[in-house]
N, C-alpha and C. Protein backbone atom coordinates (compact mmCIF):
# COMPACT_ATOMS: atom_id res chain seq x y z
N MET A 1 1.52 -1.09 -0.29
CA MET A 1 0.10 0.40 -0.18
C MET A 1 0.34 0.64 -0.01
N ALA A 2 1.92 1.29 -0.94
CA ALA A 2 2.70 2.32 -0.43
C ALA A 2 2.75 3.28 -2.00
N TRP A 3 2.28 2.73 -3.05
CA TRP A 3 1.74 3.76 -3.84
C TRP A 3 1.13 4.88 -3.41
N PRO A 4 -0.05 5.40 -2.76
CA PRO A 4 0.17 6.38 -2.31
C PRO A 4 1.14 7.20 -1.95
N ILE A 5 1.69 6.81 -1.32
CA ILE A 5 2.90 8.08 -0.71
C ILE A 5 3.48 7.73 -2.02
N ILE A 6 4.21 7.50 -2.89
CA ILE A 6 4.54 7.43 -4.32
C ILE A 6 3.64 8.23 -4.91
N ALA A 7 2.60 7.90 -5.01
CA ALA A 7 1.62 10.05 -5.85
C ALA A 7 1.41 10.60 -5.33
N ILE A 8 2.11 10.89 -4.06
CA ILE A 8 1.75 12.25 -2.86
C ILE A 8 3.02 12.82 -3.68
N ILE A 9 4.49 11.99 -3.71
CA ILE A 9 5.37 12.24 -4.20
C ILE A 9 5.79 13.18 -4.96
N ILE A 10 5.76 12.37 -6.41
CA ILE A 10 5.82 12.91 -7.44
C ILE A 10 4.61 13.60 -8.03
N LEU A 11 3.58 14.36 -7.21
CA LEU A 11 2.28 15.25 -7.10
C LEU A 11 3.46 16.46 -6.42
N ILE A 12 3.58 16.23 -5.57
CA ILE A 12 4.70 17.06 -5.12
C ILE A 12 5.80 17.90 -5.60
N LEU A 13 6.60 16.93 -6.15
CA LEU A 13 7.83 17.34 -7.57
C LEU A 13 7.14 18.09 -8.71
N LEU A 14 6.40 17.17 -9.19
CA LEU A 14 5.43 18.32 -10.20
C LEU A 14 5.07 19.66 -9.88
N ILE A 15 4.48 19.80 -8.96
CA ILE A 15 4.24 20.78 -8.24
C ILE A 15 5.19 22.06 -8.45
N VAL A 16 6.81 21.64 -7.25
CA VAL A 16 7.88 22.12 -7.15
C VAL A 16 8.06 22.72 -8.71
N PHE A 17 8.18 21.92 -9.83
CA PHE A 17 8.78 21.86 -11.07
C PHE A 17 7.65 23.38 -11.73
N ALA A 18 6.42 23.17 -11.51
CA ALA A 18 5.85 23.85 -12.18
C ALA A 18 5.69 25.15 -11.47
N VAL A 19 6.54 25.11 -10.16
CA VAL A 19 6.57 27.03 -9.27
C VAL A 19 7.46 26.92 -9.81
N ILE A 20 9.16 26.11 -10.42
CA ILE A 20 10.21 26.85 -10.74
C ILE A 20 9.78 27.57 -11.92
N ALA A 21 9.50 26.67 -12.70
CA ALA A 21 9.30 26.93 -14.44
C ALA A 21 8.08 28.10 -14.30
N MET A 22 7.23 28.69 -13.10
CA MET A 22 6.31 29.59 -13.82
C MET A 22 7.04 30.70 -13.50
N LYS A 23 8.26 30.70 -12.76
CA LYS A 23 9.97 32.26 -11.71
C LYS A 23 10.12 32.36 -12.49
N SER A 24 10.37 31.50 -14.12
CA SER A 24 11.63 31.66 -15.15
C SER A 24 11.31 32.94 -15.37
N GLU A 25 12.73 33.24 -15.82
CA GLU A 25 12.77 34.85 -15.61
C GLU A 25 12.00 34.55 -17.13
N LYS A 26 12.62 34.12 -18.18
CA LYS A 26 12.24 33.85 -20.04
C LYS A 26 11.23 32.87 -20.04
N LYS A 27 10.14 33.56 -20.66
CA LYS A 27 9.24 32.56 -20.86
C LYS A 27 9.26 31.62 -22.19
N MET A 28 9.10 30.49 -22.02
CA MET A 28 9.75 29.72 -24.07
C MET A 28 8.33 29.18 -23.67
N GLU A 29 8.46 29.35 -25.52
CA GLU A 29 6.91 28.25 -25.98
C GLU A 29 7.55 27.02 -26.13
N PRO A 30 6.52 25.97 -25.90
CA PRO A 30 6.66 24.55 -26.15
C PRO A 30 6.76 24.49 -27.36
N ASP A 31 7.61 23.21 -27.95
CA ASP A 31 8.34 22.22 -28.25
C ASP A 31 7.17 21.17 -28.98
N TYR A 32 6.03 22.13 -29.62
CA TYR A 32 4.61 21.65 -30.32
C TYR A 32 4.97 20.22 -30.77
N ARG A 33 6.42 20.16 -32.02
CA ARG A 33 6.80 18.59 -32.66
C ARG A 33 7.40 17.37 -31.73
N THR A 34 7.97 17.74 -30.39
CA THR A 34 8.12 17.37 -29.51
C THR A 34 7.18 16.64 -28.94
N LEU A 35 6.00 17.60 -28.72
CA LEU A 35 4.94 17.11 -28.20
C LEU A 35 3.88 15.69 -28.50
N PHE A 36 4.03 16.28 -30.63
CA PHE A 36 3.52 15.29 -30.82
C PHE A 36 4.11 13.67 -30.75
N PHE A 37 5.16 14.11 -30.55
CA PHE A 37 6.29 12.80 -30.97
C PHE A 37 6.27 11.75 -29.38
N LEU A 38 6.53 12.69 -28.84
CA LEU A 38 6.22 12.03 -27.64
C LEU A 38 4.88 11.81 -27.20
N GLY A 39 3.58 12.33 -27.98
CA GLY A 39 2.32 11.31 -27.55
C GLY A 39 2.22 10.32 -28.41
N ILE A 40 3.22 9.64 -29.95
CA ILE A 40 2.62 8.88 -30.31
C ILE A 40 3.41 7.87 -29.37
N THR A 41 4.54 7.92 -28.88
CA THR A 41 5.36 7.53 -28.23
C THR A 41 4.26 6.72 -26.42
N TRP A 42 3.54 7.93 -26.09
CA TRP A 42 2.99 7.13 -25.13
C TRP A 42 1.30 6.79 -25.55
N PHE A 43 1.05 7.20 -26.40
CA PHE A 43 0.21 6.31 -27.50
C PHE A 43 0.28 4.70 -27.55
N ILE A 44 1.29 3.99 -27.98
CA ILE A 44 1.67 3.87 -28.34
C ILE A 44 1.90 2.41 -26.45
N ILE A 45 2.64 3.01 -26.40
CA ILE A 45 2.80 2.77 -24.69
C ILE A 45 1.53 2.12 -24.01
N GLY A 46 0.46 3.32 -23.94
CA GLY A 46 -0.87 2.53 -23.43
C GLY A 46 -1.20 1.72 -24.00
N ILE A 47 -1.30 1.26 -25.37
CA ILE A 47 -1.96 0.55 -26.15
C ILE A 47 -1.00 -0.91 -25.10
N ALA A 48 -0.15 -0.75 -25.92
CA ALA A 48 0.83 -2.93 -25.32
C ALA A 48 0.48 -2.35 -24.04
N ALA A 49 1.21 -1.89 -22.87
CA ALA A 49 0.92 -2.40 -21.54
C ALA A 49 -0.70 -2.06 -21.94
N ASP A 50 -1.08 -1.65 -22.09
CA ASP A 50 -2.83 -1.72 -21.58
C ASP A 50 -3.21 -0.75 -20.59
N ILE A 51 -2.44 0.95 -20.30
CA ILE A 51 -2.66 1.46 -19.19
C ILE A 51 -3.22 2.89 -19.92
N SER A 52 -4.17 2.80 -19.21
CA SER A 52 -4.72 4.44 -20.09
C SER A 52 -4.20 5.22 -19.94
N VAL A 53 -3.63 5.40 -18.92
CA VAL A 53 -3.31 7.50 -18.67
C VAL A 53 -2.46 7.50 -19.75
N PHE A 54 -0.89 6.80 -19.81
CA PHE A 54 -0.69 6.41 -21.22
C PHE A 54 -1.31 6.78 -22.10
N PHE A 55 -2.24 5.67 -22.71
CA PHE A 55 -2.92 6.33 -24.24
C PHE A 55 -3.70 7.77 -23.71
N ILE A 56 -4.78 8.02 -23.11
CA ILE A 56 -4.80 9.12 -23.10
C ILE A 56 -4.14 10.28 -23.49
N LEU A 57 -3.27 10.41 -22.55
CA LEU A 57 -1.79 11.82 -21.99
C LEU A 57 -1.37 10.66 -24.00
N GLY A 58 -0.66 10.63 -24.62
CA GLY A 58 -1.25 10.16 -25.99
C GLY A 58 -1.65 10.46 -26.20
N LEU A 59 -2.78 10.37 -26.89
CA LEU A 59 -3.95 11.42 -27.60
C LEU A 59 -3.26 13.37 -27.37
N VAL A 60 -3.84 13.38 -26.01
CA VAL A 60 -4.34 14.49 -25.47
C VAL A 60 -3.09 15.33 -26.17
N TYR A 61 -1.20 15.06 -26.01
CA TYR A 61 -0.08 15.69 -26.51
C TYR A 61 -0.37 15.66 -27.95
N MET A 62 -0.35 14.59 -28.89
CA MET A 62 -0.37 14.44 -30.80
C MET A 62 -1.75 15.41 -30.55
N ALA A 63 -2.71 15.80 -30.02
CA ALA A 63 -3.69 16.91 -30.45
C ALA A 63 -2.88 18.50 -30.46
N MET A 64 -2.12 18.25 -29.13
CA MET A 64 -1.80 19.93 -28.78
C MET A 64 -0.54 20.01 -30.49
N GLY A 65 -0.17 19.03 -30.51
CA GLY A 65 1.36 18.91 -31.42
C GLY A 65 0.40 19.47 -32.78
N LEU A 66 -0.33 18.35 -33.26
CA LEU A 66 -1.06 18.53 -34.66
C LEU A 66 -1.89 20.19 -34.40
N ALA A 67 -2.47 20.71 -33.36
CA ALA A 67 -2.76 21.82 -33.13
C ALA A 67 -2.13 23.33 -33.92
N ASN A 68 -0.84 23.01 -33.29
CA ASN A 68 -0.38 23.61 -33.10
C ASN A 68 0.98 23.53 -34.46
N ARG A 69 0.74 22.89 -35.39
CA ARG A 69 1.47 22.30 -36.84
C ARG A 69 2.50 23.65 -37.20
N ASN A 70 1.19 24.44 -37.36
CA ASN A 70 2.29 25.74 -38.14
C ASN A 70 3.73 26.53 -37.16
N ARG A 71 3.80 25.52 -36.35
CA ARG A 71 4.61 25.99 -35.36
C ARG A 71 6.23 25.23 -35.50
N TRP A 72 5.44 24.27 -36.07
CA TRP A 72 6.80 23.14 -36.13
C TRP A 72 8.67 24.29 -36.49
N GLY A 73 8.10 24.22 -37.52
CA GLY A 73 9.38 24.55 -38.69
C GLY A 73 9.96 25.90 -37.90
N LYS A 74 10.47 26.46 -36.47
CA LYS A 74 11.12 27.43 -36.37
C LYS A 74 12.25 26.37 -35.97
N LYS A 75 13.34 27.94 -36.87
CA LYS A 75 15.26 27.21 -36.59
C LYS A 75 15.32 26.97 -35.45
N SER A 76 16.13 27.04 -34.78
CA SER A 76 16.83 26.83 -33.52
C SER A 76 17.79 27.69 -33.19
N ARG A 77 18.11 28.43 -32.49
CA ARG A 77 19.29 29.01 -32.21
C ARG A 77 20.47 28.56 -31.69
N LYS A 78 21.43 29.12 -31.37
CA LYS A 78 23.03 28.81 -30.16
C LYS A 78 22.17 29.40 -28.98
N LEU A 79 21.90 28.21 -27.89
CA LEU A 79 22.10 29.14 -26.95
C LEU A 79 23.19 29.55 -26.03
N THR A 80 22.25 30.66 -25.66
CA THR A 80 24.30 31.29 -24.87
C THR A 80 23.63 30.73 -23.21
N ARG A 81 24.76 30.78 -22.82
CA ARG A 81 25.99 30.01 -21.65
C ARG A 81 24.67 30.17 -20.55
N LYS A 82 23.58 30.71 -20.45
CA LYS A 82 22.70 30.68 -18.89
C LYS A 82 21.79 29.76 -19.54
N GLU A 83 20.66 29.95 -20.54
CA GLU A 83 20.29 28.54 -21.42
C GLU A 83 20.88 28.02 -21.34
N ARG A 84 22.06 27.23 -21.64
CA ARG A 84 22.20 26.55 -21.78
C ARG A 84 22.72 25.19 -19.84
N GLU A 85 23.13 26.10 -19.22
CA GLU A 85 23.12 25.51 -17.82
C GLU A 85 21.27 25.30 -17.39
N GLU A 86 20.41 26.22 -17.59
CA GLU A 86 19.27 25.89 -17.56
C GLU A 86 18.05 24.48 -17.97
N GLN A 87 19.35 25.15 -19.78
CA GLN A 87 18.32 23.58 -20.05
C GLN A 87 18.91 21.96 -19.34
N LYS A 88 19.75 21.91 -18.72
CA LYS A 88 20.59 21.62 -17.98
C LYS A 88 19.99 20.71 -16.96
N THR A 89 19.28 21.83 -15.81
CA THR A 89 18.44 21.87 -14.63
C THR A 89 17.29 21.47 -15.08
N THR A 90 16.41 21.35 -16.41
CA THR A 90 15.60 21.11 -16.64
C THR A 90 15.93 19.49 -17.04
N LYS A 91 16.39 18.91 -17.70
CA LYS A 91 16.84 17.41 -17.63
C LYS A 91 16.52 17.22 -17.03
N ALA A 92 17.58 17.06 -15.98
CA ALA A 92 18.12 16.58 -14.67
C ALA A 92 16.93 16.46 -13.98
N ILE A 93 16.35 17.34 -14.16
CA ILE A 93 14.78 16.89 -12.95
C ILE A 93 13.48 15.89 -13.66
N LEU A 94 13.39 16.48 -15.65
CA LEU A 94 12.89 15.63 -15.66
C LEU A 94 13.10 14.47 -16.11
N GLY A 95 14.39 14.40 -15.94
CA GLY A 95 15.20 12.45 -15.79
C GLY A 95 14.31 11.97 -14.23
N PHE A 96 14.75 12.46 -13.75
CA PHE A 96 14.52 12.53 -12.10
C PHE A 96 12.87 12.14 -12.07
N VAL A 97 11.91 13.03 -12.85
CA VAL A 97 11.13 12.70 -12.73
C VAL A 97 10.31 11.45 -13.78
N LEU A 98 11.04 11.42 -14.74
CA LEU A 98 10.60 9.92 -15.31
C LEU A 98 11.49 8.64 -14.58
N LEU A 99 12.54 8.99 -14.31
CA LEU A 99 12.93 7.83 -12.70
C LEU A 99 12.33 7.42 -11.87
N LEU A 100 10.99 8.38 -12.00
CA LEU A 100 9.62 8.12 -10.45
C LEU A 100 8.37 7.10 -11.34
N THR A 101 8.34 8.19 -12.43
CA THR A 101 6.96 7.57 -12.99
C THR A 101 7.93 5.68 -13.71
N VAL A 102 8.56 5.29 -13.94
CA VAL A 102 8.76 4.38 -14.53
C VAL A 102 9.45 3.15 -13.49
N LEU A 103 9.43 3.62 -11.91
CA LEU A 103 9.38 2.81 -11.74
C LEU A 103 8.50 3.17 -10.30
N ALA A 104 7.45 3.75 -10.16
CA ALA A 104 5.79 3.51 -10.13
C ALA A 104 5.49 2.42 -10.61
N ILE A 105 5.90 2.26 -12.22
CA ILE A 105 4.75 2.04 -12.80
C ILE A 105 5.28 0.77 -12.44
N LEU A 106 6.69 -0.10 -12.22
CA LEU A 106 7.13 -1.23 -12.43
C LEU A 106 6.64 -1.64 -10.90
N PHE A 107 6.21 -1.07 -9.93
CA PHE A 107 6.09 -0.58 -8.47
C PHE A 107 4.53 -1.43 -8.68
N THR A 108 3.41 -1.20 -9.43
CA THR A 108 2.21 -1.74 -9.82
C THR A 108 2.22 -2.73 -10.30
N LEU A 109 3.37 -2.80 -11.69
CA LEU A 109 2.72 -4.18 -11.73
C LEU A 109 3.28 -5.23 -11.20
N ILE A 110 4.40 -4.88 -10.83
CA ILE A 110 5.34 -5.76 -9.79
C ILE A 110 4.39 -6.17 -8.18
N MET A 111 3.46 -5.63 -7.86
CA MET A 111 2.25 -5.85 -6.74
C MET A 111 1.16 -6.01 -7.21
N GLY A 112 1.18 -5.57 -8.81
CA GLY A 112 0.04 -6.86 -8.96
C GLY A 112 -1.38 -5.98 -8.90
N ILE A 113 -1.17 -4.50 -8.51
CA ILE A 113 -2.29 -2.92 -8.31
C ILE A 113 -2.75 -2.60 -9.59
N TYR A 114 -3.76 -2.43 -9.93
CA TYR A 114 -4.14 -1.78 -11.39
C TYR A 114 -5.16 -0.91 -11.07
N PHE A 115 -5.55 0.67 -11.83
CA PHE A 115 -6.41 1.39 -11.42
C PHE A 115 -7.58 0.89 -12.58
């Protein structure tokens, strides 16, 4: 019965990440092309593993990416030193959240808990 604790920890981490992102000096526009491909990946994983959350999130991300397809073609520019540091921090946080998500999924599969 440890999954509620894991869910609360993940929720707290997501809230902290959202607060940090909102306080950021520079507002960044989402990369809609990446959201589209992330949606495809999650959609496939949701179908293959019969996990409805991934299936639904995959559909949402694909819809967001397709709705903003006109913004896909923007060319990238060289990042400043500060932007590279922010990118490293963001990648580290997202990697940690991804690791927690995978561990939570494995835990629920091993323990036989289904939603």
